[in-house]
Protein backbone atom coordinates (compact mmCIF):
# COMPACT_ATOMS: atom_id res chain seq x y z
CA MET A 1 -24.54 34.42 25.05
CA ASN A 2 -26.28 31.29 26.26
CA PHE A 3 -25.24 28.16 24.41
CA ASN A 4 -27.59 25.39 25.30
CA ILE A 5 -25.30 22.43 24.58
CA ASP A 6 -26.20 18.81 25.41
CA GLY A 7 -22.95 17.55 26.93
CA GLY A 8 -23.94 13.90 26.40
CA LYS A 9 -24.52 14.50 22.65
CA LEU A 10 -21.31 16.33 22.23
CA LEU A 11 -19.45 13.41 23.66
CA TYR A 12 -21.23 11.10 21.39
CA VAL A 13 -20.14 13.29 18.43
CA LEU A 14 -16.68 13.21 19.60
CA GLY A 15 -16.70 9.55 19.97
CA VAL A 16 -17.92 9.10 16.34
CA LEU A 17 -15.27 11.63 15.02
CA PHE A 18 -12.42 9.56 16.82
CA ALA A 19 -13.97 6.35 15.43
CA PHE A 20 -13.56 7.85 11.94
CA ALA A 21 -9.94 8.91 12.63
CA ALA A 22 -9.27 5.39 13.94
CA LEU A 23 -10.70 3.84 10.65
CA LEU A 24 -8.64 6.21 8.52
CA TYR A 25 -5.44 5.33 10.45
CA PHE A 26 -6.40 1.62 10.22
CA VAL A 27 -6.40 1.89 6.33
CA SER A 28 -2.95 3.66 6.05
CA ASP A 29 -1.33 0.32 6.25
CA VAL A 30 1.26 1.53 8.88
CA VAL A 31 -0.08 -0.31 12.01
CA PHE A 32 -0.88 -4.09 11.34
CA GLY A 33 0.64 -4.55 7.97
CA LEU A 34 -2.29 -6.61 6.78
CA SER A 35 -3.22 -7.53 3.23
CA ILE A 36 -5.57 -5.33 1.19
CA THR A 37 -8.05 -8.20 1.07
CA VAL A 38 -8.18 -8.67 4.81
CA THR A 39 -8.03 -4.96 5.50
CA ALA A 40 -11.24 -4.59 3.26
CA LEU A 41 -12.90 -7.53 4.95
CA LEU A 42 -12.24 -6.09 8.36
CA LEU A 43 -13.78 -2.83 7.47
CA PHE A 44 -16.92 -4.59 6.07
CA VAL A 45 -17.01 -6.66 9.42
CA ALA A 46 -17.03 -3.39 11.28
CA PHE A 47 -19.87 -1.93 9.24
CA VAL A 48 -22.06 -5.14 9.86
CA ALA A 49 -21.06 -5.34 13.55
CA PHE A 50 -21.99 -1.63 14.24
CA LEU A 51 -25.13 -1.89 12.14
CA VAL A 52 -26.29 -4.97 14.13
CA ALA A 53 -25.37 -3.11 17.45
CA GLY A 54 -27.60 -0.23 16.22
CA LEU A 55 -30.39 -2.63 15.54
CA ALA A 56 -30.12 -4.24 18.98
CA ILE A 57 -29.74 -1.13 21.17
CA ASP A 58 -32.76 0.87 22.07
CA ARG A 59 -31.33 3.48 24.40
CA ASP A 60 -30.84 7.25 24.27
CA ALA A 61 -29.46 7.87 20.86
CA LEU A 62 -26.76 5.02 21.27
CA ASP A 63 -28.42 3.40 18.28
CA VAL A 64 -27.87 6.62 16.25
CA VAL A 65 -24.11 6.63 17.22
CA ALA A 66 -23.98 2.82 16.26
CA TYR A 67 -25.56 3.67 12.81
CA ALA A 68 -23.06 6.59 12.32
CA ILE A 69 -20.04 4.51 13.11
CA SER A 70 -21.44 1.71 10.87
CA GLY A 71 -22.02 4.22 8.02
CA LEU A 72 -18.42 5.71 8.46
CA SER A 73 -17.05 2.14 8.41
CA TYR A 74 -18.82 1.40 5.14
CA ALA A 75 -17.62 4.73 3.67
CA VAL A 76 -14.08 4.05 4.44
CA PHE A 77 -14.53 0.44 3.14
CA LEU A 78 -15.91 1.84 -0.13
CA GLY A 79 -13.08 4.40 -0.50
CA TYR A 80 -10.41 1.82 0.39
CA VAL A 81 -11.74 -0.76 -2.11
CA THR A 82 -12.19 1.91 -4.86
CA ALA A 83 -8.44 3.09 -4.33
CA ARG A 84 -6.67 0.03 -3.70
CA TYR A 85 -8.24 -2.19 -6.33
CA GLY A 86 -8.21 0.57 -9.17
CA LEU A 87 -11.91 0.20 -10.07
CA GLY A 88 -12.91 1.79 -13.26
CA GLU A 89 -15.55 4.37 -13.81
CA THR A 90 -18.20 1.67 -14.37
CA GLY A 91 -17.17 -0.33 -11.44
CA ILE A 92 -17.17 2.78 -9.09
CA PHE A 93 -20.70 3.79 -10.50
CA LEU A 94 -22.09 0.24 -9.85
CA LEU A 95 -20.79 0.22 -6.47
CA LEU A 96 -22.19 3.49 -5.51
CA ALA A 97 -25.56 2.65 -6.87
CA ALA A 98 -25.50 -0.63 -4.96
CA SER A 99 -24.46 1.25 -1.89
CA ALA A 100 -27.30 3.69 -2.29
CA GLY A 101 -29.89 0.80 -2.58
CA LEU A 102 -28.45 -0.77 0.47
CA PHE A 103 -28.71 2.22 2.74
CA VAL A 104 -32.17 3.17 1.37
CA GLY A 105 -33.35 -0.36 2.07
CA LEU A 106 -31.87 -0.30 5.61
CA GLY A 107 -33.40 3.09 6.34
CA TYR A 108 -36.81 1.96 5.16
CA GLY A 109 -36.52 -1.16 7.22
CA VAL A 110 -35.55 0.72 10.36
CA ARG A 111 -38.27 3.53 10.12
CA GLN A 112 -41.16 1.77 8.46
CA GLN A 113 -40.92 -1.85 9.45
CA SER A 114 -39.31 -1.43 12.84
CA LEU A 115 -36.39 -3.66 11.93
CA ASP A 116 -34.52 -4.66 15.00
CA ILE A 117 -32.50 -7.66 16.34
CA ASP A 118 -32.77 -9.13 19.93
CA ARG A 119 -29.63 -9.00 21.97
CA ARG A 120 -29.14 -12.70 22.10
CA THR A 121 -29.13 -12.79 18.28
CA ALA A 122 -26.90 -9.72 18.20
CA ALA A 123 -24.43 -11.68 20.53
CA TYR A 124 -24.38 -14.63 18.09
CA VAL A 125 -23.63 -12.34 15.27
CA ALA A 126 -20.86 -10.65 17.00
CA VAL A 127 -19.30 -13.99 17.87
CA VAL A 128 -19.48 -15.04 14.30
CA LEU A 129 -17.92 -11.83 13.03
CA VAL A 130 -14.99 -11.97 15.60
CA ALA A 131 -14.40 -15.45 14.44
CA VAL A 132 -14.33 -14.65 10.84
CA GLY A 133 -11.92 -11.77 11.73
CA VAL A 134 -9.58 -13.80 13.69
CA VAL A 135 -9.50 -16.68 11.11
CA PHE A 136 -8.74 -14.23 8.18
CA ILE A 137 -6.10 -12.23 10.34
CA GLY A 138 -4.51 -15.62 11.35
CA ALA A 139 -4.35 -16.62 7.67
CA ASP A 140 -3.00 -13.27 6.62
CA LEU A 141 -0.25 -13.33 9.09
CA ALA A 142 0.70 -16.98 8.33
CA THR A 143 0.94 -16.77 4.54
CA GLY A 144 3.66 -14.06 4.62
CA ASP A 145 4.23 -10.64 3.00
CA VAL A 146 5.51 -9.77 -0.58
CA GLU A 147 9.01 -11.02 -1.15
CA TYR A 148 11.62 -9.20 -3.20
CA THR A 149 14.48 -11.01 -4.89
CA VAL A 150 17.16 -9.49 -7.11
CA GLU A 151 18.74 -11.19 -9.98
CA MET A 152 22.39 -9.61 -10.14
CA GLN A 153 24.67 -9.27 -13.08
CA ASP A 154 28.38 -8.69 -12.61
CA GLU A 155 28.66 -6.03 -15.08
CA THR A 156 26.67 -3.53 -17.34
CA THR A 157 27.52 -1.77 -20.60
CA ILE A 158 26.43 1.72 -21.47
CA SER A 159 26.61 3.51 -24.76
CA VAL A 160 28.00 7.17 -24.90
CA THR A 161 26.74 9.03 -28.01
CA ASP A 162 27.73 12.24 -29.66
CA GLU A 163 24.89 13.92 -27.70
CA HIS A 164 26.39 12.82 -24.48
CA VAL A 165 29.81 14.21 -25.45
CA GLU A 166 28.34 17.81 -25.96
CA ARG A 167 26.93 17.99 -22.53
CA ASP A 168 28.86 19.33 -19.43
CA ARG A 169 27.71 16.62 -16.92
CA PRO A 170 26.50 13.86 -18.99
CA ARG A 171 24.48 10.93 -17.53
CA VAL A 172 23.49 7.73 -19.28
CA THR A 173 20.75 5.30 -18.16
CA ALA A 174 22.11 1.92 -17.46
CA ASP A 175 20.17 -1.34 -16.89
CA LEU A 176 21.57 -2.84 -13.71
CA TRP A 177 19.55 -5.75 -12.29
CA THR A 178 15.99 -7.14 -12.15
CA VAL A 179 13.90 -7.16 -9.08
CA THR A 180 11.09 -9.44 -8.79
CA ALA A 181 8.08 -9.04 -6.38
CA THR A 182 6.37 -12.33 -5.33
CA ASN A 183 3.19 -12.55 -3.35
CA PRO A 184 3.08 -16.07 -1.60
CA SER A 185 -0.21 -15.31 0.02
CA PRO A 186 -3.68 -16.04 -1.55
CA PHE A 187 -4.66 -12.26 -0.46
CA THR A 188 -3.98 -9.16 -2.42
CA ARG A 189 -0.99 -7.31 -0.89
CA PRO A 190 0.45 -3.88 -1.40
CA VAL A 191 3.79 -3.48 -3.24
CA ASP A 192 6.34 -1.22 -1.89
CA LEU A 193 9.55 -1.69 -3.88
CA PRO A 194 12.58 -1.31 -1.84
CA SER A 195 14.34 2.14 -1.98
CA ALA A 196 17.94 2.04 -3.51
CA ARG A 197 20.69 4.36 -4.50
CA GLY A 198 23.68 3.94 -6.78
CA CYS A 199 27.27 4.91 -6.16
CA LEU A 200 30.19 5.25 -8.47
CA SER A 201 33.54 4.07 -7.57
CA GLY A 202 36.84 3.69 -9.35
CA VAL A 203 36.30 6.72 -11.66
CA ALA A 204 38.88 9.39 -10.44
CA GLU A 205 36.94 12.25 -12.19
CA PHE A 206 33.75 11.58 -9.94
CA GLY A 207 35.13 10.33 -6.74
CA ASP A 208 32.62 8.50 -4.84
CA GLU A 209 29.59 10.09 -6.59
CA THR A 210 26.14 8.91 -5.89
CA PHE A 211 23.34 8.75 -8.49
CA PRO A 212 19.69 8.00 -8.53
CA VAL A 213 18.28 4.54 -9.34
CA ARG A 214 14.62 3.64 -10.23
CA TYR A 215 12.37 0.87 -11.41
CA GLU A 216 11.04 0.34 -14.83
CA PRO A 217 8.16 0.12 -15.24
CA ARG A 218 7.89 3.14 -13.02
CA SER A 219 5.50 2.80 -9.92
CA PHE A 220 2.91 5.29 -11.44
CA GLY A 221 2.66 3.00 -14.41
CA THR A 222 1.87 -0.13 -12.47
CA PRO A 223 -0.68 -1.10 -9.81
CA ASP A 224 0.56 -0.65 -6.25
CA ARG A 225 -0.64 -4.08 -5.40
CA LEU A 226 0.03 -7.61 -6.22
CA ASP A 227 -2.71 -10.40 -6.38
CA GLY A 228 -2.46 -13.64 -4.50
CA GLY A 229 0.12 -15.91 -5.92
CA ALA A 230 1.37 -13.35 -8.51
CA GLU A 231 4.63 -11.89 -9.25
CA ARG A 232 5.99 -8.89 -11.15
CA THR A 233 9.48 -8.11 -12.31
CA HIS A 234 11.02 -4.70 -12.54
CA THR A 235 14.23 -3.64 -14.10
CA LEU A 236 16.52 -1.41 -11.86
CA THR A 237 18.16 1.29 -13.86
CA GLY A 238 20.53 3.93 -12.82
CA SER A 239 21.45 7.34 -14.28
CA VAL A 240 25.22 6.98 -14.28
CA PRO A 241 27.64 9.97 -14.57
CA VAL A 242 30.18 9.36 -17.33
CA VAL A 243 33.38 10.89 -18.71
CA ALA A 244 32.11 11.76 -22.17
CA ASP A 245 35.49 12.35 -23.96
CA ASP A 246 34.43 10.40 -26.88
CA PRO A 247 31.36 8.29 -27.97
CA GLY A 248 31.49 4.48 -27.61
CA GLU A 249 30.60 1.87 -25.05
CA ARG A 250 31.58 1.70 -21.32
CA THR A 251 31.68 -1.42 -19.26
CA TYR A 252 31.24 -1.05 -15.53
CA ALA A 253 31.42 -3.80 -12.93
CA VAL A 254 28.18 -3.91 -10.78
CA GLU A 255 27.87 -5.09 -7.07
CA ARG A 256 25.71 -4.89 -4.12
CA ALA A 257 26.89 -3.35 -0.88
CA GLU A 258 25.47 -2.23 2.57
CA SER A 259 26.90 1.41 2.08
CA CYS A 260 28.78 3.54 -0.44
CA ASP A 261 31.79 3.53 1.83
CA VAL A 262 33.82 1.13 -0.72
CA SER A 263 36.59 1.66 -3.10
CA HIS A 264 37.65 0.08 -6.39
CA ASP A 265 40.52 0.26 -8.74
CA GLU A 266 38.21 -0.30 -11.86
CA PRO A 267 34.84 1.55 -12.68
CA THR A 268 32.34 -0.05 -10.46
CA ILE A 269 28.56 0.72 -9.90
CA VAL A 270 27.60 -0.04 -6.30
CA VAL A 271 23.92 -0.56 -5.46
CA VAL A 272 22.80 0.01 -1.98
CA PHE A 273 19.25 -0.97 -0.83
CA GLU A 274 18.01 1.22 1.99
CA ASP A 275 16.65 -1.89 3.81
CA ASP A 276 19.10 -4.46 2.76
CA THR A 277 17.37 -7.32 4.52
CA ALA A 278 14.15 -6.81 2.53
CA VAL A 279 15.76 -7.94 -0.72
CA ALA A 280 16.84 -11.49 -1.24
CA VAL A 281 19.48 -12.65 -3.91
């Protein structure tokens, strides 16, 4: 079989695919730790930059490559904004409709009106776009990330009911502390509440048993972002194992530690944050 493949075009296609992969990796928030606002802005800047490059280049399909990367940048920007800002159905429809109009207009301008930009103008635009990106990245890094503070209480009281007494290994939900996420930046930032676990100490029947803790309201019930200057408070609760020999109230001391390797004479709930430095008191 004779495959007539243009090596140059194949390399162009591979370049576009790798550019798309780089864009997707960029929005995964695992590389630069930028805010949602600045990440979206940089995606839009990339769209404009490659669009201008395509309008300025007139050489052997390189303009098509630039247009393709520009379109992919816009598509990733659109998906990122839609996902991170939680746009409703109406917002998504309007954004898609506006995008359709934008690209139809650009296509008409390129094909019917011979829309192009001279290289000097393109260089000026590139300088402006780089300057905008640098300014916003600098402001993003300078204004700080989301801060988490915990308001600790020395003890908590839980109620054991008849229903708990009837179970083999009953657990009772206890309110432990409150954790507040604060965004000091003017930009919208992602919220990733610090992971934690609970340990029970000073209760002979359970030894040093661990138990799960979680935040209320749950993460799926709240946006995974925090607007600039905003804060949100969550209650840290634990599913505490209890000795349910009879109904009534139980009082446990509550403390924070770096690990569960602690012992107490009195019933104590120990809260351990996976990244202890991420949560201030």
